């Protein structure tokens, strides 16, 4: 599938934005590097740890994503307002538990210019599965299996 969106007027919009890989297995204490790899794209992305039950599954859930607003509010200058030129990202890494990725609410953001990569430690204990999604593009989902 192409990395470019496909449009059919009055029928559909298909977007191939995704995490690659969608599932990753790492040892507890290892680091992950989240890198912006898509050329000709202007949207920032987050890798945000959420409860599995918070992952939107249906189109209606993605269009009115409740968890997305909570994720964005932690990263932007003015929580409660949509991200954009007047409400920039000011917190590139959000930790709610221990430092690193270990709990729902932990989140990192990358952008195509200026902040293309973040390296972070996976601090969750062995045996945990961390579910993640992009808080801006809720169909982008995956999991980190911690060994």
C-alpha atoms as a PDB file:
ATOM      1  CA  UNK A   1       0.000   0.000   0.000  1.00  0.00           C
ATOM      2  CA  UNK A   2       1.238   3.484  -0.794  1.00  0.00           C
ATOM      3  CA  UNK A   3       2.204   5.923   1.984  1.00  0.00           C
ATOM      4  CA  UNK A   4       0.129   8.550   0.206  1.00  0.00           C
ATOM      5  CA  UNK A   5      -3.577   8.983   0.861  1.00  0.00           C
ATOM      6  CA  UNK A   6      -6.098   7.898  -1.756  1.00  0.00           C
ATOM      7  CA  UNK A   7      -9.253   9.806  -2.480  1.00  0.00           C
ATOM      8  CA  UNK A   8     -12.352   8.895  -4.424  1.00  0.00           C
ATOM      9  CA  UNK A   9     -14.617  11.935  -4.458  1.00  0.00           C
ATOM     10  CA  UNK A  10     -17.865  11.379  -2.610  1.00  0.00           C
ATOM     11  CA  UNK A  11     -16.867   7.801  -1.780  1.00  0.00           C
ATOM     12  CA  UNK A  12     -13.891   7.547   0.579  1.00  0.00           C
ATOM     13  CA  UNK A  13     -10.565   8.786   1.883  1.00  0.00           C
ATOM     14  CA  UNK A  14      -7.903   6.141   2.527  1.00  0.00           C
ATOM     15  CA  UNK A  15      -4.822   6.991   4.546  1.00  0.00           C
ATOM     16  CA  UNK A  16      -1.876   4.628   4.948  1.00  0.00           C
ATOM     17  CA  UNK A  17      -0.306   6.339   7.994  1.00  0.00           C
ATOM     18  CA  UNK A  18       0.761   3.617  10.383  1.00  0.00           C
ATOM     19  CA  UNK A  19       3.336   2.529  12.925  1.00  0.00           C
ATOM     20  CA  UNK A  20       6.075   0.329  11.502  1.00  0.00           C
ATOM     21  CA  UNK A  21       6.343  -2.132  13.124  1.00  0.00           C
ATOM     22  CA  UNK A  22       2.917  -2.204  14.744  1.00  0.00           C
ATOM     23  CA  UNK A  23       4.052  -4.685  17.383  1.00  0.00           C
ATOM     24  CA  UNK A  24       7.497  -4.615  18.931  1.00  0.00           C
ATOM     25  CA  UNK A  25       9.011  -6.934  21.552  1.00  0.00           C
ATOM     26  CA  UNK A  26      11.646  -5.417  23.860  1.00  0.00           C
ATOM     27  CA  UNK A  27      13.354  -6.257  27.110  1.00  0.00           C
ATOM     28  CA  UNK A  28      12.427  -4.192  30.126  1.00  0.00           C
ATOM     29  CA  UNK A  29      14.924  -1.351  30.469  1.00  0.00           C
ATOM     30  CA  UNK A  30      15.771  -1.197  26.756  1.00  0.00           C
ATOM     31  CA  UNK A  31      15.255   1.961  24.740  1.00  0.00           C
ATOM     32  CA  UNK A  32      12.994   2.578  21.765  1.00  0.00           C
ATOM     33  CA  UNK A  33      13.579   5.272  19.176  1.00  0.00           C
ATOM     34  CA  UNK A  34      10.434   6.771  17.661  1.00  0.00           C
ATOM     35  CA  UNK A  35      11.397   8.391  14.341  1.00  0.00           C
ATOM     36  CA  UNK A  36       9.437  10.425  11.826  1.00  0.00           C
ATOM     37  CA  UNK A  37      10.026   8.469   8.631  1.00  0.00           C
ATOM     38  CA  UNK A  38       7.337   9.560   6.166  1.00  0.00           C
ATOM     39  CA  UNK A  39       8.433  12.060   3.556  1.00  0.00           C
ATOM     40  CA  UNK A  40       6.098  14.806   2.325  1.00  0.00           C
ATOM     41  CA  UNK A  41       3.931  14.703   5.441  1.00  0.00           C
ATOM     42  CA  UNK A  42       3.333  17.616   7.808  1.00  0.00           C
ATOM     43  CA  UNK A  43       1.388  16.094  10.712  1.00  0.00           C
ATOM     44  CA  UNK A  44       3.089  15.385  14.039  1.00  0.00           C
ATOM     45  CA  UNK A  45       2.505  11.974  15.626  1.00  0.00           C
ATOM     46  CA  UNK A  46       2.383  10.692  19.162  1.00  0.00           C
ATOM     47  CA  UNK A  47       3.168   7.301  20.594  1.00  0.00           C
ATOM     48  CA  UNK A  48       0.818   7.347  23.559  1.00  0.00           C
ATOM     49  CA  UNK A  49       0.346   4.481  25.997  1.00  0.00           C
ATOM     50  CA  UNK A  50      -3.354   3.785  26.626  1.00  0.00           C
ATOM     51  CA  UNK A  51      -5.472   1.075  28.211  1.00  0.00           C
ATOM     52  CA  UNK A  52      -6.416  -1.572  25.672  1.00  0.00           C
ATOM     53  CA  UNK A  53     -10.073  -0.743  26.356  1.00  0.00           C
ATOM     54  CA  UNK A  54      -9.443   2.920  25.352  1.00  0.00           C
ATOM     55  CA  UNK A  55      -8.264   2.027  21.843  1.00  0.00           C
ATOM     56  CA  UNK A  56     -10.902   3.252  19.373  1.00  0.00           C
ATOM     57  CA  UNK A  57     -12.110   0.438  17.116  1.00  0.00           C
ATOM     58  CA  UNK A  58     -15.068   1.738  15.107  1.00  0.00           C
ATOM     59  CA  UNK A  59     -15.064   4.663  12.674  1.00  0.00           C
ATOM     60  CA  UNK A  60     -17.384   6.672  14.939  1.00  0.00           C
ATOM     61  CA  UNK A  61     -14.980   6.196  17.870  1.00  0.00           C
ATOM     62  CA  UNK A  62     -12.084   7.411  15.742  1.00  0.00           C
ATOM     63  CA  UNK A  63     -13.974  10.439  14.455  1.00  0.00           C
ATOM     64  CA  UNK A  64     -14.902  11.504  17.994  1.00  0.00           C
ATOM     65  CA  UNK A  65     -11.881  10.065  19.798  1.00  0.00           C
ATOM     66  CA  UNK A  66     -12.262  10.792  23.520  1.00  0.00           C
ATOM     67  CA  UNK A  67      -8.761   9.676  24.513  1.00  0.00           C
ATOM     68  CA  UNK A  68      -7.171  11.798  21.742  1.00  0.00           C
ATOM     69  CA  UNK A  69      -8.187  15.054  23.424  1.00  0.00           C
ATOM     70  CA  UNK A  70      -6.725  13.846  26.710  1.00  0.00           C
ATOM     71  CA  UNK A  71      -3.458  12.958  24.991  1.00  0.00           C
ATOM     72  CA  UNK A  72      -3.192  16.288  23.141  1.00  0.00           C
ATOM     73  CA  UNK A  73      -3.951  18.310  26.290  1.00  0.00           C
ATOM     74  CA  UNK A  74      -0.819  16.949  27.967  1.00  0.00           C
ATOM     75  CA  UNK A  75       1.467  18.027  25.132  1.00  0.00           C
ATOM     76  CA  UNK A  76       0.248  21.482  24.064  1.00  0.00           C
ATOM     77  CA  UNK A  77       0.753  24.955  25.512  1.00  0.00           C
ATOM     78  CA  UNK A  78      -2.965  25.559  26.115  1.00  0.00           C
ATOM     79  CA  UNK A  79      -4.701  22.352  27.303  1.00  0.00           C
ATOM     80  CA  UNK A  80      -8.300  22.130  26.140  1.00  0.00           C
ATOM     81  CA  UNK A  81      -7.592  23.895  22.849  1.00  0.00           C
ATOM     82  CA  UNK A  82      -6.737  22.022  19.639  1.00  0.00           C
ATOM     83  CA  UNK A  83      -3.060  21.784  18.674  1.00  0.00           C
ATOM     84  CA  UNK A  84      -1.951  24.124  15.922  1.00  0.00           C
ATOM     85  CA  UNK A  85       0.092  27.229  15.155  1.00  0.00           C
ATOM     86  CA  UNK A  86      -1.378  29.175  18.107  1.00  0.00           C
ATOM     87  CA  UNK A  87      -1.206  26.178  20.435  1.00  0.00           C
ATOM     88  CA  UNK A  88       2.182  24.555  19.868  1.00  0.00           C
ATOM     89  CA  UNK A  89       3.547  21.347  21.320  1.00  0.00           C
ATOM     90  CA  UNK A  90       5.623  22.284  24.360  1.00  0.00           C
ATOM     91  CA  UNK A  91       5.890  18.910  26.131  1.00  0.00           C
ATOM     92  CA  UNK A  92       7.514  16.390  23.794  1.00  0.00           C
ATOM     93  CA  UNK A  93       7.619  13.694  26.497  1.00  0.00           C
ATOM     94  CA  UNK A  94       4.910  13.117  29.123  1.00  0.00           C
ATOM     95  CA  UNK A  95       5.515  10.682  32.010  1.00  0.00           C
ATOM     96  CA  UNK A  96       2.711   9.797  34.400  1.00  0.00           C
ATOM     97  CA  UNK A  97       4.464   6.958  36.210  1.00  0.00           C
ATOM     98  CA  UNK A  98       8.146   6.152  36.379  1.00  0.00           C
ATOM     99  CA  UNK A  99      10.412   7.776  33.818  1.00  0.00           C
ATOM    100  CA  UNK A 100       9.972   5.994  30.512  1.00  0.00           C
ATOM    101  CA  UNK A 101       7.147   4.009  28.985  1.00  0.00           C
ATOM    102  CA  UNK A 102       5.371   2.012  31.661  1.00  0.00           C
ATOM    103  CA  UNK A 103       1.793   3.230  32.171  1.00  0.00           C
ATOM    104  CA  UNK A 104      -1.268   4.598  30.358  1.00  0.00           C
ATOM    105  CA  UNK A 105      -0.773   8.343  29.977  1.00  0.00           C
ATOM    106  CA  UNK A 106       2.914   8.133  29.049  1.00  0.00           C
ATOM    107  CA  UNK A 107       3.318   9.796  25.676  1.00  0.00           C
ATOM    108  CA  UNK A 108       5.936  11.089  23.258  1.00  0.00           C
ATOM    109  CA  UNK A 109       5.542  13.302  20.189  1.00  0.00           C
ATOM    110  CA  UNK A 110       7.567  13.685  17.008  1.00  0.00           C
ATOM    111  CA  UNK A 111       7.126  16.244  14.239  1.00  0.00           C
ATOM    112  CA  UNK A 112       8.407  16.453  10.658  1.00  0.00           C
ATOM    113  CA  UNK A 113      10.511  19.520  11.381  1.00  0.00           C
ATOM    114  CA  UNK A 114      12.600  20.179  14.419  1.00  0.00           C
ATOM    115  CA  UNK A 115      11.712  17.140  16.519  1.00  0.00           C
ATOM    116  CA  UNK A 116      11.946  14.121  14.211  1.00  0.00           C
ATOM    117  CA  UNK A 117      13.052  11.526  16.749  1.00  0.00           C
ATOM    118  CA  UNK A 118      12.665  10.635  20.440  1.00  0.00           C
ATOM    119  CA  UNK A 119      14.504   7.870  22.268  1.00  0.00           C
ATOM    120  CA  UNK A 120      12.891   6.640  25.470  1.00  0.00           C
ATOM    121  CA  UNK A 121      13.416   3.764  27.890  1.00  0.00           C
ATOM    122  CA  UNK A 122      10.758   1.084  28.273  1.00  0.00           C
ATOM    123  CA  UNK A 123      10.508   0.967  32.065  1.00  0.00           C
ATOM    124  CA  UNK A 124       7.540  -1.428  32.298  1.00  0.00           C
ATOM    125  CA  UNK A 125       8.316  -4.728  34.017  1.00  0.00           C
ATOM    126  CA  UNK A 126       8.668  -7.987  32.060  1.00  0.00           C
ATOM    127  CA  UNK A 127       5.375  -9.617  31.132  1.00  0.00           C
ATOM    128  CA  UNK A 128       3.519  -6.350  30.443  1.00  0.00           C
ATOM    129  CA  UNK A 129       1.933  -5.402  27.142  1.00  0.00           C
ATOM    130  CA  UNK A 130       1.784  -1.663  26.514  1.00  0.00           C
ATOM    131  CA  UNK A 131      -0.902  -0.647  24.026  1.00  0.00           C
ATOM    132  CA  UNK A 132      -0.252   2.549  22.131  1.00  0.00           C
ATOM    133  CA  UNK A 133      -1.856   4.833  19.600  1.00  0.00           C
ATOM    134  CA  UNK A 134      -1.269   8.156  17.906  1.00  0.00           C
ATOM    135  CA  UNK A 135      -3.338  10.807  19.650  1.00  0.00           C
ATOM    136  CA  UNK A 136      -3.732  12.681  16.364  1.00  0.00           C
ATOM    137  CA  UNK A 137      -4.463   9.718  14.092  1.00  0.00           C
ATOM    138  CA  UNK A 138      -6.365   7.173  16.212  1.00  0.00           C
ATOM    139  CA  UNK A 139      -6.251   4.401  13.603  1.00  0.00           C
ATOM    140  CA  UNK A 140      -2.476   4.269  14.130  1.00  0.00           C
ATOM    141  CA  UNK A 141      -2.230   1.651  16.906  1.00  0.00           C
ATOM    142  CA  UNK A 142       0.158  -0.987  18.138  1.00  0.00           C
ATOM    143  CA  UNK A 143       1.652  -2.698  21.159  1.00  0.00           C
ATOM    144  CA  UNK A 144       4.941  -3.129  22.967  1.00  0.00           C
ATOM    145  CA  UNK A 145       5.472  -6.597  24.409  1.00  0.00           C
ATOM    146  CA  UNK A 146       7.883  -6.310  27.350  1.00  0.00           C
ATOM    147  CA  UNK A 147      10.060  -9.350  28.135  1.00  0.00           C
END
